[in-house]
Amino acid sequence: MAIAKTGSRRIVVDSVAYRWRLRGRPSYCQALGWSPCTYAVALDDDPGAVLVVRTAGPHPGNWVGRRRSPVLPSDVARAVRRALQRGWEPGVAGAQFRLDLSQGFVASP
């Protein structure tokens, strides 16, 4: 599955081009601070399995005023490298590969 070019950003990690996208508006649970921010990553030219990264922070657009720094390209590059080490094969079509980095996330009451 491809990630739409509109609203996504290109990143090169170890000489391989990827596209990543953070959901523009938070889901209901993300907006209330109940679930952490997530973003998706896929190969730029020939997308296969999509990487879905669950972060330890709230979505930047949450409604309850929880402060969160934005997802940086360096964060995305680090997550891509970690997912590749854990077996993500971005060029092979298949189910989403989920990388859970949400340890330490505290949901809003």
PDB file of N, CA and C in Angstrom:
ATOM      1  N   MET A   1       0.841  -1.165   0.000  1.00  0.00           N
ATOM      2  CA  MET A   1       0.000   0.000   0.000  1.00  0.00           C
ATOM      3  C   MET A   1       0.894   1.238   0.000  1.00  0.00           C
ATOM      4  N   ALA A   2       0.568   2.179  -0.811  1.00  0.00           N
ATOM      5  CA  ALA A   2       1.360   3.399  -0.916  1.00  0.00           C
ATOM      6  C   ALA A   2       0.852   4.463   0.051  1.00  0.00           C
ATOM      7  N   ILE A   3       1.749   5.333   0.435  1.00  0.00           N
ATOM      8  CA  ILE A   3       1.382   6.495   1.231  1.00  0.00           C
ATOM      9  C   ILE A   3       1.190   7.643   0.252  1.00  0.00           C
ATOM     10  N   ALA A   4       0.100   8.345   0.370  1.00  0.00           N
ATOM     11  CA  ALA A   4      -0.197   9.452  -0.542  1.00  0.00           C
ATOM     12  C   ALA A   4       0.914  10.500  -0.486  1.00  0.00           C
ATOM     13  N   LYS A   5       1.270  11.023  -1.633  1.00  0.00           N
ATOM     14  CA  LYS A   5       2.321  12.042  -1.660  1.00  0.00           C
ATOM     15  C   LYS A   5       1.857  13.346  -1.041  1.00  0.00           C
ATOM     16  N   THR A   6       0.574  13.626  -1.138  1.00  0.00           N
ATOM     17  CA  THR A   6       0.037  14.822  -0.515  1.00  0.00           C
ATOM     18  C   THR A   6       0.059  14.651   1.000  1.00  0.00           C
ATOM     19  N   GLY A   7       0.705  15.559   1.684  1.00  0.00           N
ATOM     20  CA  GLY A   7       0.757  15.504   3.134  1.00  0.00           C
ATOM     21  C   GLY A   7       1.852  14.617   3.690  1.00  0.00           C
ATOM     22  N   SER A   8       2.636  13.985   2.826  1.00  0.00           N
ATOM     23  CA  SER A   8       3.717  13.134   3.306  1.00  0.00           C
ATOM     24  C   SER A   8       5.058  13.804   3.039  1.00  0.00           C
ATOM     25  N   ARG A   9       6.075  13.310   3.693  1.00  0.00           N
ATOM     26  CA  ARG A   9       7.414  13.848   3.526  1.00  0.00           C
ATOM     27  C   ARG A   9       8.355  12.753   3.080  1.00  0.00           C
ATOM     28  N   ARG A  10       9.323  13.126   2.291  1.00  0.00           N
ATOM     29  CA  ARG A  10      10.332  12.181   1.799  1.00  0.00           C
ATOM     30  C   ARG A  10      11.520  12.217   2.758  1.00  0.00           C
ATOM     31  N   ILE A  11      12.079  11.042   3.010  1.00  0.00           N
ATOM     32  CA  ILE A  11      13.265  10.935   3.855  1.00  0.00           C
ATOM     33  C   ILE A  11      14.159   9.851   3.274  1.00  0.00           C
ATOM     34  N   VAL A  12      15.448  10.059   3.327  1.00  0.00           N
ATOM     35  CA  VAL A  12      16.413   9.063   2.861  1.00  0.00           C
ATOM     36  C   VAL A  12      17.143   8.528   4.080  1.00  0.00           C
ATOM     37  N   VAL A  13      17.065   7.218   4.265  1.00  0.00           N
ATOM     38  CA  VAL A  13      17.718   6.548   5.388  1.00  0.00           C
ATOM     39  C   VAL A  13      18.651   5.495   4.818  1.00  0.00           C
ATOM     40  N   ASP A  14      19.931   5.653   5.086  1.00  0.00           N
ATOM     41  CA  ASP A  14      20.943   4.711   4.595  1.00  0.00           C
ATOM     42  C   ASP A  14      20.818   4.491   3.089  1.00  0.00           C
ATOM     43  N   SER A  15      20.692   5.563   2.336  1.00  0.00           N
ATOM     44  CA  SER A  15      20.631   5.587   0.869  1.00  0.00           C
ATOM     45  C   SER A  15      19.344   5.005   0.280  1.00  0.00           C
ATOM     46  N   VAL A  16      18.324   4.827   1.075  1.00  0.00           N
ATOM     47  CA  VAL A  16      17.038   4.327   0.598  1.00  0.00           C
ATOM     48  C   VAL A  16      15.981   5.407   0.865  1.00  0.00           C
ATOM     49  N   ALA A  17      15.177   5.722  -0.153  1.00  0.00           N
ATOM     50  CA  ALA A  17      14.154   6.765  -0.026  1.00  0.00           C
ATOM     51  C   ALA A  17      12.841   6.177   0.492  1.00  0.00           C
ATOM     52  N   TYR A  18      12.287   6.848   1.479  1.00  0.00           N
ATOM     53  CA  TYR A  18      11.006   6.460   2.076  1.00  0.00           C
ATOM     54  C   TYR A  18      10.082   7.670   2.063  1.00  0.00           C
ATOM     55  N   ARG A  19       8.786   7.433   2.277  1.00  0.00           N
ATOM     56  CA  ARG A  19       7.800   8.485   2.513  1.00  0.00           C
ATOM     57  C   ARG A  19       7.200   8.228   3.882  1.00  0.00           C
ATOM     58  N   TRP A  20       7.000   9.286   4.638  1.00  0.00           N
ATOM     59  CA  TRP A  20       6.363   9.130   5.943  1.00  0.00           C
ATOM     60  C   TRP A  20       5.284  10.179   6.105  1.00  0.00           C
ATOM     61  N   ARG A  21       4.300   9.827   6.909  1.00  0.00           N
ATOM     62  CA  ARG A  21       3.149  10.708   7.072  1.00  0.00           C
ATOM     63  C   ARG A  21       2.581  10.563   8.471  1.00  0.00           C
ATOM     64  N   LEU A  22       2.372  11.711   9.078  1.00  0.00           N
ATOM     65  CA  LEU A  22       1.692  11.799  10.361  1.00  0.00           C
ATOM     66  C   LEU A  22       0.257  12.208  10.065  1.00  0.00           C
ATOM     67  N   ARG A  23      -0.679  11.554  10.696  1.00  0.00           N
ATOM     68  CA  ARG A  23      -2.085  11.902  10.497  1.00  0.00           C
ATOM     69  C   ARG A  23      -2.281  13.375  10.849  1.00  0.00           C
ATOM     70  N   GLY A  24      -2.871  14.142   9.933  1.00  0.00           N
ATOM     71  CA  GLY A  24      -3.044  15.575  10.129  1.00  0.00           C
ATOM     72  C   GLY A  24      -3.902  15.919  11.324  1.00  0.00           C
ATOM     73  N   ARG A  25      -5.042  15.297  11.416  1.00  0.00           N
ATOM     74  CA  ARG A  25      -5.922  15.494  12.567  1.00  0.00           C
ATOM     75  C   ARG A  25      -5.852  14.238  13.434  1.00  0.00           C
ATOM     76  N   PRO A  26      -5.819  14.417  14.722  1.00  0.00           N
ATOM     77  CA  PRO A  26      -5.749  13.239  15.584  1.00  0.00           C
ATOM     78  C   PRO A  26      -7.043  12.439  15.556  1.00  0.00           C
ATOM     79  N   SER A  27      -6.925  11.139  15.800  1.00  0.00           N
ATOM     80  CA  SER A  27      -8.131  10.330  15.992  1.00  0.00           C
ATOM     81  C   SER A  27      -8.785  10.794  17.294  1.00  0.00           C
ATOM     82  N   TYR A  28      -9.998  10.345  17.559  1.00  0.00           N
ATOM     83  CA  TYR A  28     -10.700  10.765  18.769  1.00  0.00           C
ATOM     84  C   TYR A  28      -9.887  10.426  20.024  1.00  0.00           C
ATOM     85  N   CYS A  29      -9.373   9.208  20.091  1.00  0.00           N
ATOM     86  CA  CYS A  29      -8.601   8.792  21.267  1.00  0.00           C
ATOM     87  C   CYS A  29      -7.292   9.568  21.384  1.00  0.00           C
ATOM     88  N   GLN A  30      -6.665   9.877  20.240  1.00  0.00           N
ATOM     89  CA  GLN A  30      -5.446  10.685  20.265  1.00  0.00           C
ATOM     90  C   GLN A  30      -5.762  12.119  20.695  1.00  0.00           C
ATOM     91  N   ALA A  31      -6.893  12.646  20.241  1.00  0.00           N
ATOM     92  CA  ALA A  31      -7.276  14.020  20.565  1.00  0.00           C
ATOM     93  C   ALA A  31      -7.501  14.199  22.059  1.00  0.00           C
ATOM     94  N   LEU A  32      -8.011  13.160  22.722  1.00  0.00           N
ATOM     95  CA  LEU A  32      -8.261  13.224  24.157  1.00  0.00           C
ATOM     96  C   LEU A  32      -7.049  12.793  24.986  1.00  0.00           C
ATOM     97  N   GLY A  33      -5.967  12.432  24.307  1.00  0.00           N
ATOM     98  CA  GLY A  33      -4.754  12.036  25.005  1.00  0.00           C
ATOM     99  C   GLY A  33      -4.793  10.638  25.564  1.00  0.00           C
ATOM    100  N   TRP A  34      -5.715   9.824  25.071  1.00  0.00           N
ATOM    101  CA  TRP A  34      -5.843   8.448  25.554  1.00  0.00           C
ATOM    102  C   TRP A  34      -4.904   7.492  24.845  1.00  0.00           C
ATOM    103  N   SER A  35      -4.532   7.805  23.608  1.00  0.00           N
ATOM    104  CA  SER A  35      -3.620   6.937  22.861  1.00  0.00           C
ATOM    105  C   SER A  35      -2.522   7.789  22.244  1.00  0.00           C
ATOM    106  N   PRO A  36      -1.351   7.201  22.031  1.00  0.00           N
ATOM    107  CA  PRO A  36      -0.203   7.975  21.553  1.00  0.00           C
ATOM    108  C   PRO A  36      -0.270   8.293  20.058  1.00  0.00           C
ATOM    109  N   CYS A  37       0.591   9.191  19.668  1.00  0.00           N
ATOM    110  CA  CYS A  37       0.738   9.590  18.269  1.00  0.00           C
ATOM    111  C   CYS A  37       1.316   8.432  17.456  1.00  0.00           C
ATOM    112  N   THR A  38       0.826   8.252  16.250  1.00  0.00           N
ATOM    113  CA  THR A  38       1.357   7.242  15.337  1.00  0.00           C
ATOM    114  C   THR A  38       1.634   7.887  13.987  1.00  0.00           C
ATOM    115  N   TYR A  39       2.546   7.282  13.243  1.00  0.00           N
ATOM    116  CA  TYR A  39       2.805   7.713  11.873  1.00  0.00           C
ATOM    117  C   TYR A  39       3.164   6.500  11.030  1.00  0.00           C
ATOM    118  N   ALA A  40       3.070   6.672   9.707  1.00  0.00           N
ATOM    119  CA  ALA A  40       3.309   5.568   8.774  1.00  0.00           C
ATOM    120  C   ALA A  40       4.515   5.875   7.893  1.00  0.00           C
ATOM    121  N   VAL A  41       5.241   4.808   7.511  1.00  0.00           N
ATOM    122  CA  VAL A  41       6.423   4.921   6.655  1.00  0.00           C
ATOM    123  C   VAL A  41       6.340   3.819   5.605  1.00  0.00           C
ATOM    124  N   ALA A  42       6.721   4.147   4.362  1.00  0.00           N
ATOM    125  CA  ALA A  42       6.782   3.151   3.289  1.00  0.00           C
ATOM    126  C   ALA A  42       7.873   3.568   2.305  1.00  0.00           C
ATOM    127  N   LEU A  43       8.297   2.631   1.479  1.00  0.00           N
ATOM    128  CA  LEU A  43       9.253   2.962   0.426  1.00  0.00           C
ATOM    129  C   LEU A  43       8.656   4.022  -0.488  1.00  0.00           C
ATOM    130  N   ASP A  44       9.494   4.889  -1.007  1.00  0.00           N
ATOM    131  CA  ASP A  44       9.013   5.977  -1.853  1.00  0.00           C
ATOM    132  C   ASP A  44       8.599   5.487  -3.231  1.00  0.00           C
ATOM    133  N   ASP A  45       9.441   4.719  -3.887  1.00  0.00           N
ATOM    134  CA  ASP A  45       9.187   4.336  -5.278  1.00  0.00           C
ATOM    135  C   ASP A  45       8.354   3.077  -5.451  1.00  0.00           C
ATOM    136  N   ASP A  46       8.635   2.062  -4.681  1.00  0.00           N
ATOM    137  CA  ASP A  46       7.985   0.762  -4.853  1.00  0.00           C
ATOM    138  C   ASP A  46       7.479   0.272  -3.501  1.00  0.00           C
ATOM    139  N   PRO A  47       6.403   0.864  -3.005  1.00  0.00           N
ATOM    140  CA  PRO A  47       5.965   0.529  -1.654  1.00  0.00           C
ATOM    141  C   PRO A  47       5.479  -0.913  -1.514  1.00  0.00           C
ATOM    142  N   GLY A  48       5.816  -1.481  -0.400  1.00  0.00           N
ATOM    143  CA  GLY A  48       5.349  -2.820  -0.048  1.00  0.00           C
ATOM    144  C   GLY A  48       4.636  -2.716   1.280  1.00  0.00           C
ATOM    145  N   ALA A  49       5.154  -3.422   2.281  1.00  0.00           N
ATOM    146  CA  ALA A  49       4.562  -3.379   3.616  1.00  0.00           C
ATOM    147  C   ALA A  49       4.796  -2.012   4.251  1.00  0.00           C
ATOM    148  N   VAL A  50       3.775  -1.477   4.867  1.00  0.00           N
ATOM    149  CA  VAL A  50       3.852  -0.174   5.524  1.00  0.00           C
ATOM    150  C   VAL A  50       4.282  -0.376   6.971  1.00  0.00           C
ATOM    151  N   LEU A  51       5.172   0.488   7.429  1.00  0.00           N
ATOM    152  CA  LEU A  51       5.593   0.510   8.822  1.00  0.00           C
ATOM    153  C   LEU A  51       4.694   1.489   9.569  1.00  0.00           C
ATOM    154  N   VAL A  52       4.095   1.053  10.665  1.00  0.00           N
ATOM    155  CA  VAL A  52       3.279   1.925  11.505  1.00  0.00           C
ATOM    156  C   VAL A  52       3.995   2.052  12.843  1.00  0.00           C
ATOM    157  N   VAL A  53       4.397   3.277  13.165  1.00  0.00           N
ATOM    158  CA  VAL A  53       5.172   3.540  14.375  1.00  0.00           C
ATOM    159  C   VAL A  53       4.276   4.205  15.408  1.00  0.00           C
ATOM    160  N   ARG A  54       4.247   3.629  16.578  1.00  0.00           N
ATOM    161  CA  ARG A  54       3.481   4.174  17.709  1.00  0.00           C
ATOM    162  C   ARG A  54       4.490   4.821  18.647  1.00  0.00           C
ATOM    163  N   THR A  55       4.374   6.129  18.851  1.00  0.00           N
ATOM    164  CA  THR A  55       5.355   6.875  19.634  1.00  0.00           C
ATOM    165  C   THR A  55       4.982   6.906  21.121  1.00  0.00           C
ATOM    166  N   ALA A  56       5.854   7.504  21.920  1.00  0.00           N
ATOM    167  CA  ALA A  56       5.609   7.601  23.357  1.00  0.00           C
ATOM    168  C   ALA A  56       4.954   8.924  23.739  1.00  0.00           C
ATOM    169  N   GLY A  57       4.657   9.763  22.761  1.00  0.00           N
ATOM    170  CA  GLY A  57       4.075  11.066  23.066  1.00  0.00           C
ATOM    171  C   GLY A  57       2.689  11.226  22.487  1.00  0.00           C
ATOM    172  N   PRO A  58       1.977  12.247  22.941  1.00  0.00           N
ATOM    173  CA  PRO A  58       0.647  12.512  22.410  1.00  0.00           C
ATOM    174  C   PRO A  58       0.722  13.136  21.023  1.00  0.00           C
ATOM    175  N   HIS A  59      -0.370  13.069  20.291  1.00  0.00           N
ATOM    176  CA  HIS A  59      -0.453  13.708  18.971  1.00  0.00           C
ATOM    177  C   HIS A  59      -0.308  15.213  19.166  1.00  0.00           C
ATOM    178  N   PRO A  60       0.450  15.896  18.297  1.00  0.00           N
ATOM    179  CA  PRO A  60       0.621  17.345  18.446  1.00  0.00           C
ATOM    180  C   PRO A  60      -0.696  18.122  18.392  1.00  0.00           C
ATOM    181  N   GLY A  61      -1.725  17.563  17.778  1.00  0.00           N
ATOM    182  CA  GLY A  61      -3.006  18.259  17.669  1.00  0.00           C
ATOM    183  C   GLY A  61      -4.029  17.837  18.701  1.00  0.00           C
ATOM    184  N   ASN A  62      -3.567  17.314  19.832  1.00  0.00           N
ATOM    185  CA  ASN A  62      -4.537  16.857  20.849  1.00  0.00           C
ATOM    186  C   ASN A  62      -5.339  18.029  21.387  1.00  0.00           C
ATOM    187  N   TRP A  63      -6.535  17.722  21.880  1.00  0.00           N
ATOM    188  CA  TRP A  63      -7.481  18.749  22.330  1.00  0.00           C
ATOM    189  C   TRP A  63      -7.299  19.146  23.789  1.00  0.00           C
ATOM    190  N   VAL A  64      -6.538  18.374  24.534  1.00  0.00           N
ATOM    191  CA  VAL A  64      -6.466  18.607  25.974  1.00  0.00           C
ATOM    192  C   VAL A  64      -5.230  19.411  26.374  1.00  0.00           C
ATOM    193  N   GLY A  65      -4.488  19.893  25.409  1.00  0.00           N
ATOM    194  CA  GLY A  65      -3.364  20.765  25.694  1.00  0.00           C
ATOM    195  C   GLY A  65      -2.097  20.082  26.153  1.00  0.00           C
ATOM    196  N   ARG A  66      -1.993  18.784  25.932  1.00  0.00           N
ATOM    197  CA  ARG A  66      -0.759  18.091  26.304  1.00  0.00           C
ATOM    198  C   ARG A  66       0.357  18.543  25.367  1.00  0.00           C
ATOM    199  N   ARG A  67       1.456  18.943  25.898  1.00  0.00           N
ATOM    200  CA  ARG A  67       2.590  19.418  25.105  1.00  0.00           C
ATOM    201  C   ARG A  67       3.356  18.255  24.512  1.00  0.00           C
ATOM    202  N   ARG A  68       3.696  18.410  23.263  1.00  0.00           N
ATOM    203  CA  ARG A  68       4.462  17.375  22.560  1.00  0.00           C
ATOM    204  C   ARG A  68       5.292  18.046  21.497  1.00  0.00           C
ATOM    205  N   SER A  69       6.550  17.688  21.440  1.00  0.00           N
ATOM    206  CA  SER A  69       7.374  18.190  20.351  1.00  0.00           C
ATOM    207  C   SER A  69       6.987  17.434  19.087  1.00  0.00           C
ATOM    208  N   PRO A  70       7.147  18.033  17.926  1.00  0.00           N
ATOM    209  CA  PRO A  70       6.751  17.372  16.688  1.00  0.00           C
ATOM    210  C   PRO A  70       7.610  16.139  16.403  1.00  0.00           C
ATOM    211  N   VAL A  71       7.101  15.270  15.540  1.00  0.00           N
ATOM    212  CA  VAL A  71       7.880  14.116  15.090  1.00  0.00           C
ATOM    213  C   VAL A  71       8.940  14.657  14.124  1.00  0.00           C
ATOM    214  N   LEU A  72      10.187  14.426  14.435  1.00  0.00           N
ATOM    215  CA  LEU A  72      11.296  14.936  13.637  1.00  0.00           C
ATOM    216  C   LEU A  72      11.783  13.887  12.643  1.00  0.00           C
ATOM    217  N   PRO A  73      12.375  14.315  11.534  1.00  0.00           N
ATOM    218  CA  PRO A  73      12.948  13.353  10.594  1.00  0.00           C
ATOM    219  C   PRO A  73      13.965  12.420  11.252  1.00  0.00           C
ATOM    220  N   SER A  74      14.708  12.912  12.229  1.00  0.00           N
ATOM    221  CA  SER A  74      15.667  12.046  12.927  1.00  0.00           C
ATOM    222  C   SER A  74      14.948  10.940  13.695  1.00  0.00           C
ATOM    223  N   ASP A  75      13.755  11.237  14.236  1.00  0.00           N
ATOM    224  CA  ASP A  75      12.946  10.214  14.915  1.00  0.00           C
ATOM    225  C   ASP A  75      12.498   9.150  13.920  1.00  0.00           C
ATOM    226  N   VAL A  76      12.086   9.595  12.738  1.00  0.00           N
ATOM    227  CA  VAL A  76      11.625   8.670  11.699  1.00  0.00           C
ATOM    228  C   VAL A  76      12.778   7.784  11.240  1.00  0.00           C
ATOM    229  N   ALA A  77      13.943   8.370  11.009  1.00  0.00           N
ATOM    230  CA  ALA A  77      15.106   7.597  10.572  1.00  0.00           C
ATOM    231  C   ALA A  77      15.479   6.545  11.617  1.00  0.00           C
ATOM    232  N   ARG A  78      15.455   6.923  12.882  1.00  0.00           N
ATOM    233  CA  ARG A  78      15.766   5.987  13.967  1.00  0.00           C
ATOM    234  C   ARG A  78      14.756   4.837  13.998  1.00  0.00           C
ATOM    235  N   ALA A  79      13.473   5.160  13.810  1.00  0.00           N
ATOM    236  CA  ALA A  79      12.427   4.131  13.809  1.00  0.00           C
ATOM    237  C   ALA A  79      12.575   3.197  12.615  1.00  0.00           C
ATOM    238  N   VAL A  80      12.920   3.730  11.447  1.00  0.00           N
ATOM    239  CA  VAL A  80      13.117   2.895  10.257  1.00  0.00           C
ATOM    240  C   VAL A  80      14.258   1.918  10.496  1.00  0.00           C
ATOM    241  N   ARG A  81      15.363   2.399  11.024  1.00  0.00           N
ATOM    242  CA  ARG A  81      16.506   1.509  11.296  1.00  0.00           C
ATOM    243  C   ARG A  81      16.136   0.423  12.304  1.00  0.00           C
ATOM    244  N   ARG A  82      15.405   0.797  13.333  1.00  0.00           N
ATOM    245  CA  ARG A  82      14.997  -0.187  14.345  1.00  0.00           C
ATOM    246  C   ARG A  82      14.050  -1.229  13.746  1.00  0.00           C
ATOM    247  N   ALA A  83      13.108  -0.781  12.917  1.00  0.00           N
ATOM    248  CA  ALA A  83      12.163  -1.713  12.286  1.00  0.00           C
ATOM    249  C   ALA A  83      12.886  -2.665  11.338  1.00  0.00           C
ATOM    250  N   LEU A  84      13.848  -2.151  10.596  1.00  0.00           N
ATOM    251  CA  LEU A  84      14.620  -3.022   9.694  1.00  0.00           C
ATOM    252  C   LEU A  84      15.378  -4.080  10.496  1.00  0.00           C
ATOM    253  N   GLN A  85      15.930  -3.704  11.637  1.00  0.00           N
ATOM    254  CA  GLN A  85      16.622  -4.662  12.498  1.00  0.00           C
ATOM    255  C   GLN A  85      15.668  -5.718  13.048  1.00  0.00           C
ATOM    256  N   ARG A  86      14.410  -5.340  13.231  1.00  0.00           N
ATOM    257  CA  ARG A  86      13.417  -6.270  13.789  1.00  0.00           C
ATOM    258  C   ARG A  86      12.674  -7.070  12.725  1.00  0.00           C
ATOM    259  N   GLY A  87      13.075  -6.904  11.447  1.00  0.00           N
ATOM    260  CA  GLY A  87      12.505  -7.763  10.417  1.00  0.00           C
ATOM    261  C   GLY A  87      11.564  -7.120   9.422  1.00  0.00           C
ATOM    262  N   TRP A  88      11.383  -5.827   9.465  1.00  0.00           N
ATOM    263  CA  TRP A  88      10.519  -5.160   8.476  1.00  0.00           C
ATOM    264  C   TRP A  88      11.152  -5.277   7.101  1.00  0.00           C
ATOM    265  N   GLU A  89      10.374  -5.726   6.134  1.00  0.00           N
ATOM    266  CA  GLU A  89      10.816  -5.828   4.744  1.00  0.00           C
ATOM    267  C   GLU A  89       9.965  -4.869   3.920  1.00  0.00           C
ATOM    268  N   PRO A  90      10.419  -3.625   3.748  1.00  0.00           N
ATOM    269  CA  PRO A  90       9.587  -2.603   3.109  1.00  0.00           C
ATOM    270  C   PRO A  90       9.287  -2.859   1.635  1.00  0.00           C
ATOM    271  N   GLY A  91      10.083  -3.681   0.964  1.00  0.00           N
ATOM    272  CA  GLY A  91       9.864  -3.953  -0.455  1.00  0.00           C
ATOM    273  C   GLY A  91       8.963  -5.132  -0.725  1.00  0.00           C
ATOM    274  N   VAL A  92       8.555  -5.823   0.310  1.00  0.00           N
ATOM    275  CA  VAL A  92       7.721  -7.014   0.165  1.00  0.00           C
ATOM    276  C   VAL A  92       6.291  -6.668   0.559  1.00  0.00           C
ATOM    277  N   ALA A  93       5.358  -6.929  -0.344  1.00  0.00           N
ATOM    278  CA  ALA A  93       3.946  -6.655  -0.046  1.00  0.00           C
ATOM    279  C   ALA A  93       3.491  -7.544   1.102  1.00  0.00           C
ATOM    280  N   GLY A  94       2.660  -7.002   1.937  1.00  0.00           N
ATOM    281  CA  GLY A  94       2.159  -7.782   3.063  1.00  0.00           C
ATOM    282  C   GLY A  94       1.478  -6.900   4.078  1.00  0.00           C
ATOM    283  N   ALA A  95       1.248  -7.475   5.226  1.00  0.00           N
ATOM    284  CA  ALA A  95       0.558  -6.765   6.309  1.00  0.00           C
ATOM    285  C   ALA A  95       1.436  -5.651   6.867  1.00  0.00           C
ATOM    286  N   GLN A  96       0.794  -4.733   7.554  1.00  0.00           N
ATOM    287  CA  GLN A  96       1.527  -3.657   8.208  1.00  0.00           C
ATOM    288  C   GLN A  96       2.528  -4.238   9.196  1.00  0.00           C
ATOM    289  N   PHE A  97       3.661  -3.572   9.309  1.00  0.00           N
ATOM    290  CA  PHE A  97       4.638  -3.918  10.329  1.00  0.00           C
ATOM    291  C   PHE A  97       4.503  -2.862  11.419  1.00  0.00           C
ATOM    292  N   ARG A  98       4.216  -3.307  12.614  1.00  0.00           N
ATOM    293  CA  ARG A  98       3.984  -2.359  13.707  1.00  0.00           C
ATOM    294  C   ARG A  98       5.211  -2.290  14.608  1.00  0.00           C
ATOM    295  N   LEU A  99       5.639  -1.057  14.860  1.00  0.00           N
ATOM    296  CA  LEU A  99       6.757  -0.809  15.761  1.00  0.00           C
ATOM    297  C   LEU A  99       6.222   0.011  16.921  1.00  0.00           C
ATOM    298  N   ASP A 100       6.195  -0.586  18.089  1.00  0.00           N
ATOM    299  CA  ASP A 100       5.626   0.062  19.269  1.00  0.00           C
ATOM    300  C   ASP A 100       6.748   0.681  20.108  1.00  0.00           C
ATOM    301  N   LEU A 101       6.829   1.994  20.070  1.00  0.00           N
ATOM    302  CA  LEU A 101       7.804   2.743  20.870  1.00  0.00           C
ATOM    303  C   LEU A 101       7.094   3.551  21.951  1.00  0.00           C
ATOM    304  N   SER A 102       5.932   3.088  22.362  1.00  0.00           N
ATOM    305  CA  SER A 102       5.085   3.862  23.268  1.00  0.00           C
ATOM    306  C   SER A 102       5.345   3.601  24.753  1.00  0.00           C
ATOM    307  N   GLN A 103       6.406   2.874  25.053  1.00  0.00           N
ATOM    308  CA  GLN A 103       6.704   2.630  26.461  1.00  0.00           C
ATOM    309  C   GLN A 103       6.921   3.970  27.154  1.00  0.00           C
ATOM    310  N   GLY A 104       6.254   4.177  28.234  1.00  0.00           N
ATOM    311  CA  GLY A 104       6.353   5.423  28.975  1.00  0.00           C
ATOM    312  C   GLY A 104       5.214   6.401  28.689  1.00  0.00           C
ATOM    313  N   PHE A 105       4.362   6.074  27.702  1.00  0.00           N
ATOM    314  CA  PHE A 105       3.227   6.954  27.402  1.00  0.00           C
ATOM    315  C   PHE A 105       2.232   6.882  28.558  1.00  0.00           C
ATOM    316  N   VAL A 106       1.803   8.053  29.010  1.00  0.00           N
ATOM    317  CA  VAL A 106       0.813   8.117  30.088  1.00  0.00           C
ATOM    318  C   VAL A 106      -0.445   8.756  29.507  1.00  0.00           C
ATOM    319  N   ALA A 107      -1.538   8.028  29.512  1.00  0.00           N
ATOM    320  CA  ALA A 107      -2.801   8.524  28.971  1.00  0.00           C
ATOM    321  C   ALA A 107      -3.386   9.590  29.891  1.00  0.00           C
ATOM    322  N   SER A 108      -4.116  10.511  29.282  1.00  0.00           N
ATOM    323  CA  SER A 108      -4.813  11.544  30.058  1.00  0.00           C
ATOM    324  C   SER A 108      -5.936  10.902  30.854  1.00  0.00           C
ATOM    325  N   PRO A 109      -6.224  11.434  32.021  1.00  0.00           N
ATOM    326  CA  PRO A 109      -7.300  10.869  32.838  1.00  0.00           C
ATOM    327  C   PRO A 109      -8.670  11.146  32.250  1.00  0.00           C
TER     328      PRO A 109
END
